[in-house]
Amino acid sequence: MSETLIGALFVFVLASFAGFEVITKVPPTLHTPLMSGANAISGIAVIGAMVVAGPKDNNFIVIMGLVAITLAMINVVGGFMVTDRMLQMFKK
């Protein structure tokens, strides 16, 4: 394995553990508003996925970038929809 892949896997595992610890400490009443806002921040992942999908050196990289863009956009749109639905509940 290349050093880049090992480094990326290391960061992924650390981020997974950190995310799990943060999410388990959130009370259930705050979980939905917090997660809907966090999903909206996933727009950063869309930009990163576009950077990855940009170079056309390898078809596999372009396909994985397209998958990443699609999944991140679903996350962003879902986050905004949940937030909007929650805000509609507080309107009279």
C-alpha atoms as a PDB file:
ATOM      1  CA  MET A   1       0.000   0.000   0.000  1.00  0.00           C
ATOM      2  CA  SER A   2       1.158   3.507  -0.683  1.00  0.00           C
ATOM      3  CA  GLU A   3       1.904   5.944   2.101  1.00  0.00           C
ATOM      4  CA  THR A   4      -0.882   8.241   0.880  1.00  0.00           C
ATOM      5  CA  LEU A   5      -3.486   5.500   1.187  1.00  0.00           C
ATOM      6  CA  ILE A   6      -2.288   4.504   4.648  1.00  0.00           C
ATOM      7  CA  GLY A   7      -2.384   8.159   5.748  1.00  0.00           C
ATOM      8  CA  ALA A   8      -5.889   8.591   4.350  1.00  0.00           C
ATOM      9  CA  LEU A   9      -7.099   5.430   6.113  1.00  0.00           C
ATOM     10  CA  PHE A  10      -5.525   6.623   9.365  1.00  0.00           C
ATOM     11  CA  VAL A  11      -7.346   9.968   9.135  1.00  0.00           C
ATOM     12  CA  PHE A  12     -10.605   8.167   8.260  1.00  0.00           C
ATOM     13  CA  VAL A  13     -10.370   5.878  11.300  1.00  0.00           C
ATOM     14  CA  LEU A  14      -9.542   8.770  13.643  1.00  0.00           C
ATOM     15  CA  ALA A  15     -12.416  10.851  12.217  1.00  0.00           C
ATOM     16  CA  SER A  16     -14.781   7.895  12.649  1.00  0.00           C
ATOM     17  CA  PHE A  17     -13.859   7.505  16.317  1.00  0.00           C
ATOM     18  CA  ALA A  18     -14.090  11.251  16.964  1.00  0.00           C
ATOM     19  CA  GLY A  19     -17.465  11.482  15.196  1.00  0.00           C
ATOM     20  CA  PHE A  20     -18.838   8.549  17.161  1.00  0.00           C
ATOM     21  CA  GLU A  21     -17.752  10.093  20.457  1.00  0.00           C
ATOM     22  CA  VAL A  22     -19.255  13.470  19.587  1.00  0.00           C
ATOM     23  CA  ILE A  23     -22.585  12.024  18.410  1.00  0.00           C
ATOM     24  CA  THR A  24     -23.048   9.757  21.433  1.00  0.00           C
ATOM     25  CA  LYS A  25     -22.657  12.738  23.790  1.00  0.00           C
ATOM     26  CA  VAL A  26     -25.501  14.741  22.182  1.00  0.00           C
ATOM     27  CA  PRO A  27     -28.850  14.511  24.000  1.00  0.00           C
ATOM     28  CA  PRO A  28     -31.714  13.112  21.887  1.00  0.00           C
ATOM     29  CA  THR A  29     -33.633  16.418  21.954  1.00  0.00           C
ATOM     30  CA  LEU A  30     -30.756  18.214  20.241  1.00  0.00           C
ATOM     31  CA  HIS A  31     -29.767  15.438  17.846  1.00  0.00           C
ATOM     32  CA  THR A  32     -32.059  16.307  14.918  1.00  0.00           C
ATOM     33  CA  PRO A  33     -31.370  20.071  14.816  1.00  0.00           C
ATOM     34  CA  LEU A  34     -27.656  19.532  15.259  1.00  0.00           C
ATOM     35  CA  MET A  35     -27.431  16.871  12.574  1.00  0.00           C
ATOM     36  CA  SER A  36     -29.513  18.825  10.081  1.00  0.00           C
ATOM     37  CA  GLY A  37     -27.140  21.750  10.454  1.00  0.00           C
ATOM     38  CA  ALA A  38     -24.125  19.478  10.175  1.00  0.00           C
ATOM     39  CA  ASN A  39     -25.519  17.937   6.996  1.00  0.00           C
ATOM     40  CA  ALA A  40     -25.817  21.383   5.476  1.00  0.00           C
ATOM     41  CA  ILE A  41     -22.122  21.924   6.138  1.00  0.00           C
ATOM     42  CA  SER A  42     -21.454  18.927   3.892  1.00  0.00           C
ATOM     43  CA  GLY A  43     -21.253  21.412   1.055  1.00  0.00           C
ATOM     44  CA  ILE A  44     -17.532  21.406   1.791  1.00  0.00           C
ATOM     45  CA  ALA A  45     -17.496  17.725   0.853  1.00  0.00           C
ATOM     46  CA  VAL A  46     -19.097  18.614  -2.480  1.00  0.00           C
ATOM     47  CA  ILE A  47     -16.252  20.985  -3.290  1.00  0.00           C
ATOM     48  CA  GLY A  48     -13.685  18.363  -2.282  1.00  0.00           C
ATOM     49  CA  ALA A  49     -15.405  15.766  -4.435  1.00  0.00           C
ATOM     50  CA  MET A  50     -15.358  18.131  -7.406  1.00  0.00           C
ATOM     51  CA  VAL A  51     -11.624  18.588  -6.948  1.00  0.00           C
ATOM     52  CA  VAL A  52     -11.162  14.812  -6.898  1.00  0.00           C
ATOM     53  CA  ALA A  53     -13.381  14.292  -9.939  1.00  0.00           C
ATOM     54  CA  GLY A  54     -11.613  17.044 -11.886  1.00  0.00           C
ATOM     55  CA  PRO A  55      -8.505  15.346 -13.318  1.00  0.00           C
ATOM     56  CA  LYS A  56      -9.320  12.829 -16.037  1.00  0.00           C
ATOM     57  CA  ASP A  57      -6.224  10.687 -15.540  1.00  0.00           C
ATOM     58  CA  ASN A  58      -8.209   7.634 -14.519  1.00  0.00           C
ATOM     59  CA  ASN A  59     -11.841   6.682 -15.158  1.00  0.00           C
ATOM     60  CA  PHE A  60     -12.111   5.099 -11.705  1.00  0.00           C
ATOM     61  CA  ILE A  61     -11.204   8.413 -10.043  1.00  0.00           C
ATOM     62  CA  VAL A  62     -13.789  10.288 -12.099  1.00  0.00           C
ATOM     63  CA  ILE A  63     -16.497   7.725 -11.266  1.00  0.00           C
ATOM     64  CA  MET A  64     -15.671   7.799  -7.541  1.00  0.00           C
ATOM     65  CA  GLY A  65     -15.689  11.611  -7.630  1.00  0.00           C
ATOM     66  CA  LEU A  66     -19.121  11.566  -9.261  1.00  0.00           C
ATOM     67  CA  VAL A  67     -20.396   9.157  -6.591  1.00  0.00           C
ATOM     68  CA  ALA A  68     -18.945  11.407  -3.869  1.00  0.00           C
ATOM     69  CA  ILE A  69     -20.578  14.503  -5.381  1.00  0.00           C
ATOM     70  CA  THR A  70     -23.941  12.720  -5.621  1.00  0.00           C
ATOM     71  CA  LEU A  71     -23.869  11.454  -2.032  1.00  0.00           C
ATOM     72  CA  ALA A  72     -22.690  14.780  -0.628  1.00  0.00           C
ATOM     73  CA  MET A  73     -25.421  16.659  -2.498  1.00  0.00           C
ATOM     74  CA  ILE A  74     -28.058  14.250  -1.155  1.00  0.00           C
ATOM     75  CA  ASN A  75     -26.703  14.985   2.321  1.00  0.00           C
ATOM     76  CA  VAL A  76     -26.775  18.755   1.786  1.00  0.00           C
ATOM     77  CA  VAL A  77     -30.302  18.803   0.358  1.00  0.00           C
ATOM     78  CA  GLY A  78     -31.549  16.458   3.086  1.00  0.00           C
ATOM     79  CA  GLY A  79     -30.021  18.664   5.774  1.00  0.00           C
ATOM     80  CA  PHE A  80     -31.753  21.727   4.401  1.00  0.00           C
ATOM     81  CA  MET A  81     -35.061  19.877   4.080  1.00  0.00           C
ATOM     82  CA  VAL A  82     -34.956  18.648   7.677  1.00  0.00           C
ATOM     83  CA  THR A  83     -34.013  22.111   8.938  1.00  0.00           C
ATOM     84  CA  ASP A  84     -36.805  23.734   6.944  1.00  0.00           C
ATOM     85  CA  ARG A  85     -39.330  21.199   8.213  1.00  0.00           C
ATOM     86  CA  MET A  86     -38.268  21.816  11.804  1.00  0.00           C
ATOM     87  CA  LEU A  87     -38.530  25.584  11.355  1.00  0.00           C
ATOM     88  CA  GLN A  88     -42.018  25.218   9.848  1.00  0.00           C
ATOM     89  CA  MET A  89     -43.113  23.484  13.056  1.00  0.00           C
ATOM     90  CA  PHE A  90     -42.449  26.680  15.030  1.00  0.00           C
ATOM     91  CA  LYS A  91     -44.440  28.979  12.740  1.00  0.00           C
ATOM     92  CA  LYS A  92     -48.016  29.764  13.671  1.00  0.00           C
END
